[in-house]
């Protein structure tokens, strides 16, 4: 019986030694993989935004359409950052300078509801800075009459 226990103990020790060696090899492989992953991550660059950051708007009526297109395009490709109307309006406000910035201050001071409504904010901007959708519609109607 003692001999059997000695043989069993010896077999267990041999198995333990083999498992320890295998464990050491696996740990070394894991270390190499972690280092390789870190090297690969350093090489990966996040994709650049295909739409440039919009320019500021100081209130020139002629630049309003360009400003709206630039900001809308930028927000569209970065939609995860602009998940609601309040974020969109805040972004527009952050790009206002000069007369346009002065125009928005009263809305902020009175915590106007348009600060949370992107379409209403754009409509107010268009009205204040001279973008008249009716004029565009009239021009389109005149062009239609020419055909």
N, C-alpha and C. Protein backbone atom coordinates (compact mmCIF):
# COMPACT_ATOMS: atom_id res chain seq x y z
N UNK A 1 0.82 -1.19 0.00
CA UNK A 1 0.00 0.00 0.00
C UNK A 1 0.86 1.26 0.00
N UNK A 2 1.92 1.23 0.79
CA UNK A 2 2.83 2.37 0.85
C UNK A 2 3.50 2.55 -0.49
N UNK A 3 3.90 1.44 -1.10
CA UNK A 3 4.54 1.53 -2.41
C UNK A 3 3.60 2.15 -3.45
N UNK A 4 2.33 1.78 -3.36
CA UNK A 4 1.35 2.35 -4.29
C UNK A 4 1.21 3.86 -4.09
N UNK A 5 1.18 4.26 -2.83
CA UNK A 5 1.06 5.70 -2.51
C UNK A 5 2.30 6.46 -2.97
N UNK A 6 3.48 5.85 -2.82
CA UNK A 6 4.71 6.48 -3.27
C UNK A 6 4.69 6.63 -4.78
N UNK A 7 4.26 5.60 -5.47
CA UNK A 7 4.16 5.67 -6.94
C UNK A 7 3.14 6.75 -7.37
N UNK A 8 2.01 6.78 -6.68
CA UNK A 8 0.99 7.78 -6.99
C UNK A 8 1.51 9.18 -6.73
N UNK A 9 2.19 9.38 -5.62
CA UNK A 9 2.77 10.69 -5.29
C UNK A 9 3.81 11.08 -6.33
N UNK A 10 4.63 10.12 -6.72
CA UNK A 10 5.65 10.39 -7.75
C UNK A 10 4.98 10.79 -9.07
N UNK A 11 3.91 10.10 -9.46
CA UNK A 11 3.20 10.41 -10.70
C UNK A 11 2.58 11.82 -10.61
N UNK A 12 2.03 12.14 -9.44
CA UNK A 12 1.45 13.48 -9.25
C UNK A 12 2.51 14.57 -9.33
N UNK A 13 3.66 14.33 -8.76
CA UNK A 13 4.75 15.31 -8.82
C UNK A 13 5.23 15.50 -10.25
N UNK A 14 5.33 14.42 -11.01
CA UNK A 14 5.74 14.50 -12.41
C UNK A 14 4.70 15.29 -13.22
N UNK A 15 3.43 15.00 -12.95
CA UNK A 15 2.36 15.71 -13.67
C UNK A 15 2.38 17.19 -13.30
N UNK A 16 2.62 17.48 -12.03
CA UNK A 16 2.70 18.87 -11.57
C UNK A 16 3.84 19.61 -12.26
N UNK A 17 5.00 18.93 -12.35
CA UNK A 17 6.17 19.54 -13.01
C UNK A 17 5.84 19.82 -14.49
N UNK A 18 5.22 18.87 -15.18
CA UNK A 18 4.87 19.04 -16.59
C UNK A 18 3.87 20.20 -16.76
N UNK A 19 2.88 20.28 -15.88
CA UNK A 19 1.89 21.36 -15.94
C UNK A 19 2.54 22.72 -15.63
N UNK A 20 3.48 22.73 -14.73
CA UNK A 20 4.17 23.99 -14.40
C UNK A 20 4.97 24.48 -15.60
N UNK A 21 5.65 23.55 -16.29
CA UNK A 21 6.42 23.92 -17.49
C UNK A 21 5.47 24.44 -18.57
N UNK A 22 4.36 23.71 -18.78
CA UNK A 22 3.38 24.14 -19.79
C UNK A 22 2.79 25.52 -19.43
N UNK A 23 2.52 25.72 -18.14
CA UNK A 23 1.98 27.00 -17.68
C UNK A 23 2.98 28.13 -17.94
N UNK A 24 4.25 27.88 -17.69
CA UNK A 24 5.29 28.89 -17.95
C UNK A 24 5.36 29.22 -19.43
N UNK A 25 5.27 28.21 -20.28
CA UNK A 25 5.29 28.44 -21.72
C UNK A 25 4.08 29.26 -22.17
N UNK A 26 2.93 28.91 -21.63
CA UNK A 26 1.71 29.66 -21.98
C UNK A 26 1.79 31.12 -21.51
N UNK A 27 2.34 31.34 -20.34
CA UNK A 27 2.49 32.71 -19.82
C UNK A 27 3.43 33.52 -20.72
N UNK A 28 4.50 32.87 -21.20
CA UNK A 28 5.43 33.55 -22.11
C UNK A 28 4.75 33.87 -23.42
N UNK A 29 3.95 32.96 -23.95
CA UNK A 29 3.20 33.23 -25.18
C UNK A 29 2.21 34.39 -24.98
N UNK A 30 1.56 34.39 -23.82
CA UNK A 30 0.63 35.47 -23.51
C UNK A 30 1.35 36.82 -23.44
N UNK A 31 2.52 36.83 -22.80
CA UNK A 31 3.31 38.06 -22.70
C UNK A 31 3.68 38.56 -24.10
N UNK A 32 4.10 37.66 -24.98
CA UNK A 32 4.46 38.05 -26.34
C UNK A 32 3.25 38.58 -27.11
N UNK A 33 2.10 37.95 -26.93
CA UNK A 33 0.88 38.42 -27.59
C UNK A 33 0.45 39.81 -27.10
N UNK A 34 0.57 40.03 -25.81
CA UNK A 34 0.23 41.35 -25.25
C UNK A 34 1.16 42.42 -25.81
N UNK A 35 2.44 42.10 -25.89
CA UNK A 35 3.39 43.05 -26.47
C UNK A 35 3.09 43.31 -27.95
N UNK A 36 2.76 42.25 -28.68
CA UNK A 36 2.44 42.41 -30.10
C UNK A 36 1.17 43.24 -30.28
N UNK A 37 0.19 43.00 -29.42
CA UNK A 37 -1.06 43.79 -29.47
C UNK A 37 -0.77 45.27 -29.22
N UNK A 38 0.04 45.55 -28.23
CA UNK A 38 0.39 46.94 -27.92
C UNK A 38 1.09 47.60 -29.10
N UNK A 39 1.99 46.86 -29.75
CA UNK A 39 2.68 47.39 -30.94
C UNK A 39 1.69 47.69 -32.05
N UNK A 40 0.76 46.78 -32.29
CA UNK A 40 -0.24 46.98 -33.35
C UNK A 40 -1.16 48.16 -33.03
N UNK A 41 -1.56 48.29 -31.78
CA UNK A 41 -2.43 49.40 -31.39
C UNK A 41 -1.76 50.76 -31.59
N UNK A 42 -0.45 50.82 -31.37
CA UNK A 42 0.29 52.06 -31.59
C UNK A 42 0.32 52.43 -33.07
N UNK A 43 0.26 51.41 -33.94
CA UNK A 43 0.31 51.65 -35.37
C UNK A 43 -1.04 52.07 -35.95
N UNK A 44 -2.11 51.71 -35.26
CA UNK A 44 -3.46 52.03 -35.75
C UNK A 44 -3.78 53.48 -35.42
N UNK A 45 -4.20 54.22 -36.44
CA UNK A 45 -4.60 55.61 -36.23
C UNK A 45 -6.10 55.71 -36.44
N UNK A 46 -6.80 56.48 -35.61
CA UNK A 46 -8.22 56.64 -35.84
C UNK A 46 -8.44 57.33 -37.19
N UNK A 47 -9.51 56.97 -37.88
CA UNK A 47 -9.75 57.60 -39.18
C UNK A 47 -9.99 59.10 -39.01
N UNK A 48 -9.46 59.87 -39.94
CA UNK A 48 -9.68 61.31 -39.85
C UNK A 48 -11.08 61.63 -40.35
N UNK A 49 -11.62 62.70 -39.84
CA UNK A 49 -12.96 63.13 -40.21
C UNK A 49 -12.92 63.62 -41.66
N UNK A 50 -13.82 63.10 -42.51
CA UNK A 50 -13.82 63.53 -43.91
C UNK A 50 -14.35 64.94 -44.11
N UNK A 51 -14.97 65.49 -43.07
CA UNK A 51 -15.53 66.84 -43.17
C UNK A 51 -14.73 67.75 -42.22
N UNK A 52 -14.19 68.85 -42.73
CA UNK A 52 -13.40 69.72 -41.86
C UNK A 52 -14.26 70.40 -40.80
N UNK A 53 -13.61 70.81 -39.73
CA UNK A 53 -14.30 71.52 -38.65
C UNK A 53 -14.84 72.84 -39.23
N UNK A 54 -16.10 73.17 -38.94
CA UNK A 54 -16.70 74.38 -39.51
C UNK A 54 -16.01 75.67 -39.05
N UNK A 55 -16.07 76.66 -39.92
CA UNK A 55 -15.55 77.98 -39.59
C UNK A 55 -16.56 78.70 -38.70
N UNK A 56 -16.11 79.72 -38.00
CA UNK A 56 -17.00 80.50 -37.15
C UNK A 56 -17.91 81.37 -38.02
N UNK A 57 -18.99 81.84 -37.41
CA UNK A 57 -19.95 82.70 -38.11
C UNK A 57 -20.15 83.96 -37.28
N UNK A 58 -19.91 85.10 -37.91
CA UNK A 58 -20.03 86.36 -37.17
C UNK A 58 -21.26 87.18 -37.57
N UNK A 59 -22.08 86.65 -38.46
CA UNK A 59 -23.33 87.33 -38.77
C UNK A 59 -23.48 87.82 -40.20
N UNK A 60 -22.51 87.55 -41.07
CA UNK A 60 -22.63 88.00 -42.46
C UNK A 60 -23.70 87.16 -43.16
N UNK A 61 -24.72 87.82 -43.67
CA UNK A 61 -25.83 87.10 -44.33
C UNK A 61 -25.36 86.22 -45.46
N UNK A 62 -24.38 86.68 -46.22
CA UNK A 62 -23.90 85.90 -47.36
C UNK A 62 -23.24 84.60 -46.94
N UNK A 63 -22.75 84.51 -45.70
CA UNK A 63 -22.06 83.30 -45.22
C UNK A 63 -22.98 82.34 -44.47
N UNK A 64 -24.21 82.78 -44.21
CA UNK A 64 -25.10 81.93 -43.42
C UNK A 64 -25.36 80.57 -44.09
N UNK A 65 -25.72 80.52 -45.38
CA UNK A 65 -25.93 79.19 -45.99
C UNK A 65 -24.70 78.29 -45.89
N UNK A 66 -23.54 78.86 -46.13
CA UNK A 66 -22.29 78.09 -46.03
C UNK A 66 -22.09 77.57 -44.61
N UNK A 67 -22.35 78.42 -43.61
CA UNK A 67 -22.20 78.04 -42.21
C UNK A 67 -23.14 76.89 -41.86
N UNK A 68 -24.37 76.99 -42.32
CA UNK A 68 -25.35 75.95 -42.00
C UNK A 68 -24.96 74.63 -42.68
N UNK A 69 -24.52 74.68 -43.90
CA UNK A 69 -24.09 73.46 -44.60
C UNK A 69 -22.87 72.86 -43.91
N UNK A 70 -21.89 73.70 -43.56
CA UNK A 70 -20.68 73.19 -42.89
C UNK A 70 -21.02 72.51 -41.57
N UNK A 71 -21.83 73.19 -40.76
CA UNK A 71 -22.15 72.63 -39.44
C UNK A 71 -23.02 71.37 -39.56
N UNK A 72 -23.99 71.39 -40.47
CA UNK A 72 -24.85 70.21 -40.65
C UNK A 72 -24.03 69.02 -41.13
N UNK A 73 -23.12 69.26 -42.06
CA UNK A 73 -22.27 68.18 -42.57
C UNK A 73 -21.39 67.61 -41.47
N UNK A 74 -20.79 68.50 -40.69
CA UNK A 74 -19.91 68.07 -39.61
C UNK A 74 -20.68 67.26 -38.58
N UNK A 75 -21.89 67.73 -38.23
CA UNK A 75 -22.69 67.01 -37.24
C UNK A 75 -23.16 65.67 -37.78
N UNK A 76 -23.41 65.60 -39.08
CA UNK A 76 -23.86 64.35 -39.67
C UNK A 76 -22.79 63.26 -39.58
N UNK A 77 -21.55 63.59 -39.92
CA UNK A 77 -20.49 62.57 -39.86
C UNK A 77 -20.03 62.30 -38.43
N UNK A 78 -20.42 63.15 -37.51
CA UNK A 78 -20.09 62.95 -36.09
C UNK A 78 -21.38 62.81 -35.27
N UNK A 79 -22.35 62.09 -35.83
CA UNK A 79 -23.67 62.03 -35.22
C UNK A 79 -23.67 61.47 -33.80
N UNK A 80 -22.70 60.66 -33.45
CA UNK A 80 -22.64 60.14 -32.07
C UNK A 80 -22.37 61.25 -31.05
N UNK A 81 -21.76 62.34 -31.49
CA UNK A 81 -21.50 63.48 -30.59
C UNK A 81 -22.69 64.43 -30.51
N UNK A 82 -23.53 64.40 -31.52
CA UNK A 82 -24.65 65.33 -31.60
C UNK A 82 -25.96 64.55 -31.60
N UNK A 83 -26.25 63.94 -30.45
CA UNK A 83 -27.34 62.99 -30.36
C UNK A 83 -28.70 63.64 -30.12
N UNK A 84 -28.73 64.93 -29.83
CA UNK A 84 -30.02 65.59 -29.65
C UNK A 84 -29.93 67.05 -30.08
N UNK A 85 -31.08 67.69 -30.15
CA UNK A 85 -31.14 69.07 -30.63
C UNK A 85 -30.36 70.04 -29.75
N UNK A 86 -30.39 69.83 -28.45
CA UNK A 86 -29.66 70.73 -27.55
C UNK A 86 -28.16 70.70 -27.83
N UNK A 87 -27.63 69.51 -28.12
CA UNK A 87 -26.20 69.41 -28.44
C UNK A 87 -25.89 70.11 -29.76
N UNK A 88 -26.78 69.98 -30.73
CA UNK A 88 -26.58 70.62 -32.03
C UNK A 88 -26.60 72.13 -31.88
N UNK A 89 -27.57 72.65 -31.13
CA UNK A 89 -27.67 74.10 -30.92
C UNK A 89 -26.44 74.61 -30.16
N UNK A 90 -26.03 73.87 -29.15
CA UNK A 90 -24.85 74.27 -28.37
C UNK A 90 -23.62 74.33 -29.27
N UNK A 91 -23.50 73.38 -30.20
CA UNK A 91 -22.39 73.38 -31.14
C UNK A 91 -22.43 74.63 -32.02
N UNK A 92 -23.60 74.94 -32.56
CA UNK A 92 -23.72 76.15 -33.38
C UNK A 92 -23.33 77.39 -32.58
N UNK A 93 -23.85 77.48 -31.36
CA UNK A 93 -23.55 78.64 -30.52
C UNK A 93 -22.05 78.77 -30.27
N UNK A 94 -21.38 77.63 -30.11
CA UNK A 94 -19.94 77.68 -29.85
C UNK A 94 -19.15 78.26 -31.02
N UNK A 95 -19.77 78.28 -32.20
CA UNK A 95 -19.09 78.78 -33.39
C UNK A 95 -19.49 80.22 -33.74
N UNK A 96 -20.33 80.82 -32.93
CA UNK A 96 -20.77 82.19 -33.21
C UNK A 96 -19.79 83.20 -32.62
N UNK A 97 -19.54 84.26 -33.38
CA UNK A 97 -18.68 85.35 -32.92
C UNK A 97 -19.36 86.67 -33.30
N UNK A 98 -18.81 87.77 -32.81
CA UNK A 98 -19.26 89.10 -33.21
C UNK A 98 -20.76 89.31 -33.07
N UNK A 99 -21.37 89.84 -34.12
CA UNK A 99 -22.79 90.15 -34.12
C UNK A 99 -23.66 88.91 -33.85
N UNK A 100 -23.27 87.79 -34.41
CA UNK A 100 -24.03 86.55 -34.21
C UNK A 100 -23.99 86.11 -32.75
N UNK A 101 -22.84 86.27 -32.13
CA UNK A 101 -22.72 85.91 -30.72
C UNK A 101 -23.57 86.85 -29.86
N UNK A 102 -23.55 88.13 -30.19
CA UNK A 102 -24.38 89.10 -29.46
C UNK A 102 -25.86 88.77 -29.63
N UNK A 103 -26.24 88.32 -30.84
CA UNK A 103 -27.63 87.98 -31.12
C UNK A 103 -28.12 86.84 -30.22
N UNK A 104 -27.28 85.85 -29.92
CA UNK A 104 -27.72 84.66 -29.19
C UNK A 104 -27.75 84.87 -27.68
N UNK A 105 -27.04 85.86 -27.18
CA UNK A 105 -26.95 86.06 -25.72
C UNK A 105 -28.32 86.18 -25.05
N UNK A 106 -29.27 86.99 -25.56
CA UNK A 106 -30.57 87.06 -24.91
C UNK A 106 -31.30 85.71 -24.83
N UNK A 107 -31.15 84.88 -25.85
CA UNK A 107 -31.78 83.56 -25.81
C UNK A 107 -31.21 82.72 -24.68
N UNK A 108 -29.90 82.86 -24.48
CA UNK A 108 -29.25 82.11 -23.40
C UNK A 108 -29.68 82.66 -22.05
N UNK A 109 -29.70 83.99 -21.93
CA UNK A 109 -30.07 84.62 -20.66
C UNK A 109 -31.48 84.27 -20.22
N UNK A 110 -32.40 84.15 -21.20
CA UNK A 110 -33.79 83.83 -20.81
C UNK A 110 -34.07 82.33 -20.91
N UNK A 111 -33.02 81.53 -21.17
CA UNK A 111 -33.15 80.08 -21.30
C UNK A 111 -34.30 79.73 -22.25
N UNK A 112 -34.23 80.30 -23.43
CA UNK A 112 -35.27 80.14 -24.44
C UNK A 112 -35.44 78.68 -24.86
N UNK A 113 -36.66 78.27 -25.13
CA UNK A 113 -36.91 76.90 -25.60
C UNK A 113 -36.22 76.59 -26.94
N UNK A 114 -35.90 77.60 -27.73
CA UNK A 114 -35.25 77.30 -29.02
C UNK A 114 -33.84 76.75 -28.83
N UNK A 115 -33.29 76.90 -27.64
CA UNK A 115 -31.96 76.35 -27.37
C UNK A 115 -31.97 74.81 -27.39
N UNK A 116 -33.16 74.23 -27.29
CA UNK A 116 -33.31 72.78 -27.34
C UNK A 116 -34.01 72.31 -28.60
N UNK A 117 -34.15 73.22 -29.58
CA UNK A 117 -34.87 72.89 -30.81
C UNK A 117 -34.04 73.36 -32.01
N UNK A 118 -33.32 72.43 -32.61
CA UNK A 118 -32.38 72.75 -33.70
C UNK A 118 -33.07 73.47 -34.86
N UNK A 119 -34.20 72.95 -35.32
CA UNK A 119 -34.91 73.57 -36.46
C UNK A 119 -35.36 74.98 -36.11
N UNK A 120 -35.91 75.17 -34.92
CA UNK A 120 -36.37 76.51 -34.52
C UNK A 120 -35.19 77.47 -34.41
N UNK A 121 -34.06 76.98 -33.92
CA UNK A 121 -32.87 77.82 -33.81
C UNK A 121 -32.39 78.24 -35.19
N UNK A 122 -32.35 77.28 -36.14
CA UNK A 122 -31.95 77.62 -37.50
C UNK A 122 -32.91 78.63 -38.12
N UNK A 123 -34.20 78.45 -37.89
CA UNK A 123 -35.19 79.39 -38.42
C UNK A 123 -34.96 80.80 -37.88
N UNK A 124 -34.67 80.90 -36.59
CA UNK A 124 -34.38 82.21 -35.98
C UNK A 124 -33.13 82.84 -36.59
N UNK A 125 -32.11 82.02 -36.78
CA UNK A 125 -30.87 82.53 -37.40
C UNK A 125 -31.15 83.04 -38.81
N UNK A 126 -31.89 82.24 -39.57
CA UNK A 126 -32.21 82.63 -40.95
C UNK A 126 -32.99 83.94 -40.98
N UNK A 127 -33.94 84.06 -40.07
CA UNK A 127 -34.74 85.28 -40.02
C UNK A 127 -33.89 86.48 -39.62
N UNK A 128 -33.04 86.31 -38.65
CA UNK A 128 -32.22 87.43 -38.16
C UNK A 128 -31.14 87.84 -39.16
N UNK A 129 -30.51 86.86 -39.79
CA UNK A 129 -29.36 87.17 -40.63
C UNK A 129 -29.66 87.15 -42.12
N UNK A 130 -30.93 87.23 -42.46
CA UNK A 130 -31.32 87.53 -43.83
C UNK A 130 -31.39 86.40 -44.82
N UNK A 131 -31.64 85.19 -44.36
CA UNK A 131 -31.83 84.10 -45.31
C UNK A 131 -33.33 83.88 -45.40
N UNK A 132 -33.91 84.30 -46.49
CA UNK A 132 -35.35 84.22 -46.65
C UNK A 132 -35.69 83.05 -47.56
N UNK A 133 -36.26 82.00 -46.98
CA UNK A 133 -36.64 80.83 -47.77
C UNK A 133 -37.70 81.17 -48.81
N UNK A 134 -38.53 82.18 -48.52
CA UNK A 134 -39.57 82.57 -49.46
C UNK A 134 -38.96 83.10 -50.75
N UNK A 135 -37.86 83.86 -50.64
CA UNK A 135 -37.19 84.38 -51.83
C UNK A 135 -36.70 83.25 -52.70
N UNK A 136 -36.14 82.20 -52.08
CA UNK A 136 -35.66 81.06 -52.84
C UNK A 136 -36.82 80.36 -53.53
N UNK A 137 -37.95 80.22 -52.81
CA UNK A 137 -39.12 79.60 -53.40
C UNK A 137 -39.64 80.42 -54.57
N UNK A 138 -39.63 81.77 -54.42
CA UNK A 138 -40.06 82.65 -55.49
C UNK A 138 -39.17 82.48 -56.71
N UNK A 139 -37.86 82.40 -56.48
CA UNK A 139 -36.91 82.21 -57.58
C UNK A 139 -37.18 80.89 -58.29
N UNK A 140 -37.47 79.85 -57.50
CA UNK A 140 -37.76 78.55 -58.10
C UNK A 140 -39.03 78.61 -58.93
N UNK A 141 -40.05 79.33 -58.42
CA UNK A 141 -41.30 79.47 -59.15
C UNK A 141 -41.08 80.19 -60.48
N UNK A 142 -40.25 81.26 -60.44
CA UNK A 142 -39.96 82.01 -61.66
C UNK A 142 -39.26 81.14 -62.67
N UNK A 143 -38.32 80.30 -62.20
CA UNK A 143 -37.61 79.40 -63.10
C UNK A 143 -38.58 78.40 -63.70
N UNK A 144 -39.53 77.90 -62.89
CA UNK A 144 -40.51 76.96 -63.39
C UNK A 144 -41.38 77.60 -64.48
N UNK A 145 -41.68 78.91 -64.30
CA UNK A 145 -42.50 79.62 -65.29
C UNK A 145 -41.76 79.75 -66.61
N UNK A 146 -40.43 79.80 -66.57
CA UNK A 146 -39.66 79.96 -67.79
C UNK A 146 -39.72 78.71 -68.67
N UNK A 147 -40.02 77.58 -68.12
CA UNK A 147 -40.02 76.33 -68.90
C UNK A 147 -41.31 76.15 -69.60
